[in-house]
Amino acid sequence: MLLDLLTFGLWSKLGRLTHYAFDAVLLSAFLAGMKRSTGLTFKTERLAGENKDLEKWVNKYLSVGEWVMDQSVALAGSSGWFERRR
């Protein structure tokens, strides 16, 4: 409480921002998993329209989800808790 008063509430704002960032990464990873398991891809050009900068940022956002999926699969594959079945 005292720390929150001394920093003008920045700790609570930082926590909220961290929570939103984590949720955004989870959504991106979910979309990446959908792409891998079903082949469905997100149409970035439909969202961005003529705005090429927005399309570039959306593609970067989706690539973060792909990276998170790659790292998660690599971590799970190297642990003893999971086994690969096909």
N, C-alpha and C. Protein backbone atom coordinates (compact mmCIF):
# COMPACT_ATOMS: atom_id res chain seq x y z
N MET A 1 0.83 -1.18 0.00
CA MET A 1 0.00 0.00 0.00
C MET A 1 0.87 1.25 0.00
N LEU A 2 1.88 1.28 0.87
CA LEU A 2 2.76 2.44 0.94
C LEU A 2 3.56 2.59 -0.34
N LEU A 3 4.03 1.45 -0.88
CA LEU A 3 4.79 1.50 -2.13
C LEU A 3 3.92 1.99 -3.27
N ASP A 4 2.65 1.60 -3.26
CA ASP A 4 1.73 2.04 -4.29
C ASP A 4 1.49 3.55 -4.18
N LEU A 5 1.41 4.06 -2.98
CA LEU A 5 1.23 5.50 -2.80
C LEU A 5 2.48 6.27 -3.22
N LEU A 6 3.65 5.72 -2.90
CA LEU A 6 4.90 6.41 -3.23
C LEU A 6 5.16 6.44 -4.74
N THR A 7 4.69 5.44 -5.45
CA THR A 7 4.94 5.38 -6.89
C THR A 7 3.74 5.84 -7.70
N PHE A 8 2.77 6.48 -7.05
CA PHE A 8 1.57 7.03 -7.70
C PHE A 8 0.77 5.96 -8.44
N GLY A 9 0.73 4.76 -7.89
CA GLY A 9 -0.07 3.69 -8.47
C GLY A 9 0.55 3.01 -9.67
N LEU A 10 1.85 3.22 -9.91
CA LEU A 10 2.48 2.62 -11.08
C LEU A 10 2.58 1.10 -10.98
N TRP A 11 2.71 0.56 -9.75
CA TRP A 11 2.82 -0.89 -9.59
C TRP A 11 1.55 -1.58 -10.05
N SER A 12 0.39 -1.00 -9.72
CA SER A 12 -0.86 -1.63 -10.16
C SER A 12 -1.03 -1.50 -11.68
N LYS A 13 -0.59 -0.39 -12.24
CA LYS A 13 -0.66 -0.22 -13.69
C LYS A 13 0.30 -1.17 -14.41
N LEU A 14 1.46 -1.39 -13.82
CA LEU A 14 2.42 -2.32 -14.41
C LEU A 14 1.89 -3.75 -14.35
N GLY A 15 1.25 -4.10 -13.27
CA GLY A 15 0.64 -5.43 -13.16
C GLY A 15 -0.47 -5.63 -14.17
N ARG A 16 -1.28 -4.63 -14.36
CA ARG A 16 -2.37 -4.72 -15.33
C ARG A 16 -1.82 -4.83 -16.74
N LEU A 17 -0.79 -4.05 -17.05
CA LEU A 17 -0.17 -4.10 -18.37
C LEU A 17 0.46 -5.47 -18.62
N THR A 18 1.10 -6.02 -17.61
CA THR A 18 1.69 -7.36 -17.72
C THR A 18 0.61 -8.40 -17.98
N HIS A 19 -0.50 -8.28 -17.28
CA HIS A 19 -1.62 -9.21 -17.46
C HIS A 19 -2.16 -9.13 -18.89
N TYR A 20 -2.36 -7.94 -19.42
CA TYR A 20 -2.85 -7.78 -20.78
C TYR A 20 -1.86 -8.32 -21.81
N ALA A 21 -0.57 -8.09 -21.57
CA ALA A 21 0.45 -8.60 -22.49
C ALA A 21 0.46 -10.12 -22.49
N PHE A 22 0.34 -10.72 -21.32
CA PHE A 22 0.30 -12.18 -21.22
C PHE A 22 -0.93 -12.74 -21.94
N ASP A 23 -2.08 -12.09 -21.76
CA ASP A 23 -3.29 -12.51 -22.46
C ASP A 23 -3.15 -12.39 -23.96
N ALA A 24 -2.49 -11.34 -24.43
CA ALA A 24 -2.28 -11.15 -25.86
C ALA A 24 -1.38 -12.25 -26.43
N VAL A 25 -0.36 -12.63 -25.69
CA VAL A 25 0.53 -13.70 -26.14
C VAL A 25 -0.22 -15.04 -26.14
N LEU A 26 -1.06 -15.27 -25.16
CA LEU A 26 -1.86 -16.50 -25.14
C LEU A 26 -2.79 -16.57 -26.34
N LEU A 27 -3.42 -15.47 -26.68
CA LEU A 27 -4.30 -15.44 -27.85
C LEU A 27 -3.52 -15.70 -29.12
N SER A 28 -2.35 -15.11 -29.24
CA SER A 28 -1.51 -15.33 -30.41
C SER A 28 -1.06 -16.78 -30.50
N ALA A 29 -0.72 -17.39 -29.37
CA ALA A 29 -0.32 -18.79 -29.36
C ALA A 29 -1.52 -19.70 -29.70
N PHE A 30 -2.69 -19.33 -29.24
CA PHE A 30 -3.89 -20.09 -29.59
C PHE A 30 -4.12 -20.06 -31.09
N LEU A 31 -3.98 -18.88 -31.71
CA LEU A 31 -4.16 -18.78 -33.16
C LEU A 31 -3.09 -19.57 -33.91
N ALA A 32 -1.88 -19.59 -33.37
CA ALA A 32 -0.81 -20.38 -33.99
C ALA A 32 -1.12 -21.87 -33.88
N GLY A 33 -1.65 -22.30 -32.74
CA GLY A 33 -2.03 -23.70 -32.59
C GLY A 33 -3.16 -24.08 -33.52
N MET A 34 -4.11 -23.17 -33.71
CA MET A 34 -5.19 -23.42 -34.67
C MET A 34 -4.65 -23.58 -36.08
N LYS A 35 -3.69 -22.73 -36.41
CA LYS A 35 -3.09 -22.80 -37.74
C LYS A 35 -2.39 -24.14 -37.95
N ARG A 36 -1.67 -24.59 -36.94
CA ARG A 36 -0.91 -25.84 -37.08
C ARG A 36 -1.80 -27.07 -37.08
N SER A 37 -2.84 -27.07 -36.27
CA SER A 37 -3.64 -28.28 -36.17
C SER A 37 -4.71 -28.38 -37.25
N THR A 38 -5.20 -27.25 -37.76
CA THR A 38 -6.28 -27.30 -38.75
C THR A 38 -5.90 -26.72 -40.10
N GLY A 39 -4.86 -25.90 -40.14
CA GLY A 39 -4.49 -25.25 -41.39
C GLY A 39 -5.20 -23.92 -41.61
N LEU A 40 -6.10 -23.54 -40.70
CA LEU A 40 -6.79 -22.27 -40.84
C LEU A 40 -5.84 -21.13 -40.50
N THR A 41 -5.76 -20.13 -41.37
CA THR A 41 -4.89 -18.99 -41.12
C THR A 41 -5.71 -17.72 -41.03
N PHE A 42 -5.20 -16.77 -40.30
CA PHE A 42 -5.84 -15.48 -40.10
C PHE A 42 -5.55 -14.59 -41.30
N LYS A 43 -6.57 -14.00 -41.88
CA LYS A 43 -6.40 -13.13 -43.05
C LYS A 43 -6.01 -11.72 -42.59
N THR A 44 -4.71 -11.47 -42.54
CA THR A 44 -4.24 -10.17 -42.05
C THR A 44 -4.58 -9.05 -43.02
N GLU A 45 -4.61 -9.35 -44.31
CA GLU A 45 -4.91 -8.29 -45.28
C GLU A 45 -6.37 -7.84 -45.17
N ARG A 46 -7.23 -8.73 -44.73
CA ARG A 46 -8.64 -8.34 -44.56
C ARG A 46 -8.80 -7.43 -43.35
N LEU A 47 -8.04 -7.68 -42.31
CA LEU A 47 -8.09 -6.84 -41.11
C LEU A 47 -7.47 -5.48 -41.38
N ALA A 48 -6.31 -5.47 -42.04
CA ALA A 48 -5.57 -4.23 -42.24
C ALA A 48 -6.10 -3.39 -43.39
N GLY A 49 -6.71 -4.02 -44.36
CA GLY A 49 -7.18 -3.26 -45.53
C GLY A 49 -6.00 -2.74 -46.33
N GLU A 50 -5.97 -1.46 -46.56
CA GLU A 50 -4.90 -0.83 -47.32
C GLU A 50 -3.70 -0.44 -46.46
N ASN A 51 -3.83 -0.55 -45.16
CA ASN A 51 -2.78 -0.13 -44.24
C ASN A 51 -1.71 -1.23 -44.13
N LYS A 52 -0.62 -1.05 -44.84
CA LYS A 52 0.45 -2.05 -44.85
C LYS A 52 1.20 -2.10 -43.52
N ASP A 53 1.28 -0.97 -42.82
CA ASP A 53 1.95 -0.96 -41.52
C ASP A 53 1.19 -1.80 -40.50
N LEU A 54 -0.14 -1.69 -40.51
CA LEU A 54 -0.95 -2.50 -39.60
C LEU A 54 -0.82 -3.98 -39.94
N GLU A 55 -0.80 -4.30 -41.22
CA GLU A 55 -0.64 -5.70 -41.63
C GLU A 55 0.71 -6.25 -41.17
N LYS A 56 1.75 -5.41 -41.25
CA LYS A 56 3.07 -5.83 -40.79
C LYS A 56 3.07 -6.10 -39.28
N TRP A 57 2.42 -5.24 -38.51
CA TRP A 57 2.37 -5.40 -37.05
C TRP A 57 1.55 -6.62 -36.66
N VAL A 58 0.45 -6.88 -37.38
CA VAL A 58 -0.36 -8.07 -37.08
C VAL A 58 0.44 -9.33 -37.38
N ASN A 59 1.19 -9.32 -38.49
CA ASN A 59 2.02 -10.48 -38.82
C ASN A 59 3.11 -10.70 -37.76
N LYS A 60 3.68 -9.62 -37.24
CA LYS A 60 4.66 -9.74 -36.17
C LYS A 60 4.02 -10.31 -34.90
N TYR A 61 2.82 -9.84 -34.60
CA TYR A 61 2.08 -10.33 -33.44
C TYR A 61 1.81 -11.83 -33.56
N LEU A 62 1.39 -12.25 -34.74
CA LEU A 62 1.11 -13.67 -34.95
C LEU A 62 2.39 -14.50 -34.94
N SER A 63 3.49 -13.92 -35.37
CA SER A 63 4.76 -14.66 -35.32
C SER A 63 5.24 -14.88 -33.88
N VAL A 64 4.86 -13.98 -32.97
CA VAL A 64 5.16 -14.19 -31.55
C VAL A 64 4.46 -15.45 -31.06
N GLY A 65 3.22 -15.66 -31.47
CA GLY A 65 2.50 -16.87 -31.10
C GLY A 65 3.15 -18.11 -31.67
N GLU A 66 3.64 -18.02 -32.91
CA GLU A 66 4.35 -19.16 -33.52
C GLU A 66 5.60 -19.49 -32.71
N TRP A 67 6.33 -18.45 -32.31
CA TRP A 67 7.55 -18.66 -31.52
C TRP A 67 7.22 -19.29 -30.17
N VAL A 68 6.17 -18.81 -29.52
CA VAL A 68 5.77 -19.37 -28.23
C VAL A 68 5.38 -20.84 -28.40
N MET A 69 4.67 -21.16 -29.47
CA MET A 69 4.31 -22.56 -29.73
C MET A 69 5.55 -23.41 -29.94
N ASP A 70 6.52 -22.92 -30.74
CA ASP A 70 7.76 -23.66 -30.98
C ASP A 70 8.50 -23.94 -29.67
N GLN A 71 8.62 -22.92 -28.85
CA GLN A 71 9.34 -23.07 -27.59
C GLN A 71 8.60 -24.00 -26.64
N SER A 72 7.28 -23.91 -26.61
CA SER A 72 6.49 -24.77 -25.73
C SER A 72 6.59 -26.22 -26.14
N VAL A 73 6.53 -26.48 -27.45
CA VAL A 73 6.64 -27.86 -27.94
C VAL A 73 8.03 -28.40 -27.67
N ALA A 74 9.06 -27.57 -27.86
CA ALA A 74 10.43 -28.02 -27.60
C ALA A 74 10.63 -28.32 -26.11
N LEU A 75 10.10 -27.49 -25.26
CA LEU A 75 10.22 -27.70 -23.82
C LEU A 75 9.47 -28.95 -23.38
N ALA A 76 8.25 -29.11 -23.88
CA ALA A 76 7.46 -30.28 -23.51
C ALA A 76 8.08 -31.56 -24.07
N GLY A 77 8.65 -31.48 -25.27
CA GLY A 77 9.27 -32.66 -25.87
C GLY A 77 10.53 -33.10 -25.16
N SER A 78 11.23 -32.16 -24.55
CA SER A 78 12.47 -32.52 -23.87
C SER A 78 12.24 -32.93 -22.42
N SER A 79 11.04 -32.72 -21.91
CA SER A 79 10.77 -33.12 -20.53
C SER A 79 10.31 -34.57 -20.49
N GLY A 80 10.32 -35.13 -19.35
CA GLY A 80 9.87 -36.50 -19.18
C GLY A 80 8.37 -36.62 -18.94
N TRP A 81 7.67 -35.51 -18.89
CA TRP A 81 6.25 -35.51 -18.57
C TRP A 81 5.37 -35.78 -19.77
N PHE A 82 5.92 -35.65 -20.98
CA PHE A 82 5.12 -35.81 -22.19
C PHE A 82 5.76 -36.86 -23.10
N GLU A 83 4.93 -37.52 -23.89
CA GLU A 83 5.43 -38.42 -24.91
C GLU A 83 4.67 -38.16 -26.20
N ARG A 84 5.35 -38.36 -27.31
CA ARG A 84 4.75 -38.08 -28.62
C ARG A 84 4.03 -39.33 -29.12
N ARG A 85 2.75 -39.17 -29.42
CA ARG A 85 1.94 -40.26 -29.98
C ARG A 85 1.32 -39.75 -31.28
N ARG A 86 1.29 -40.59 -32.25
CA ARG A 86 0.68 -40.18 -33.53
C ARG A 86 -0.32 -41.16 -33.99
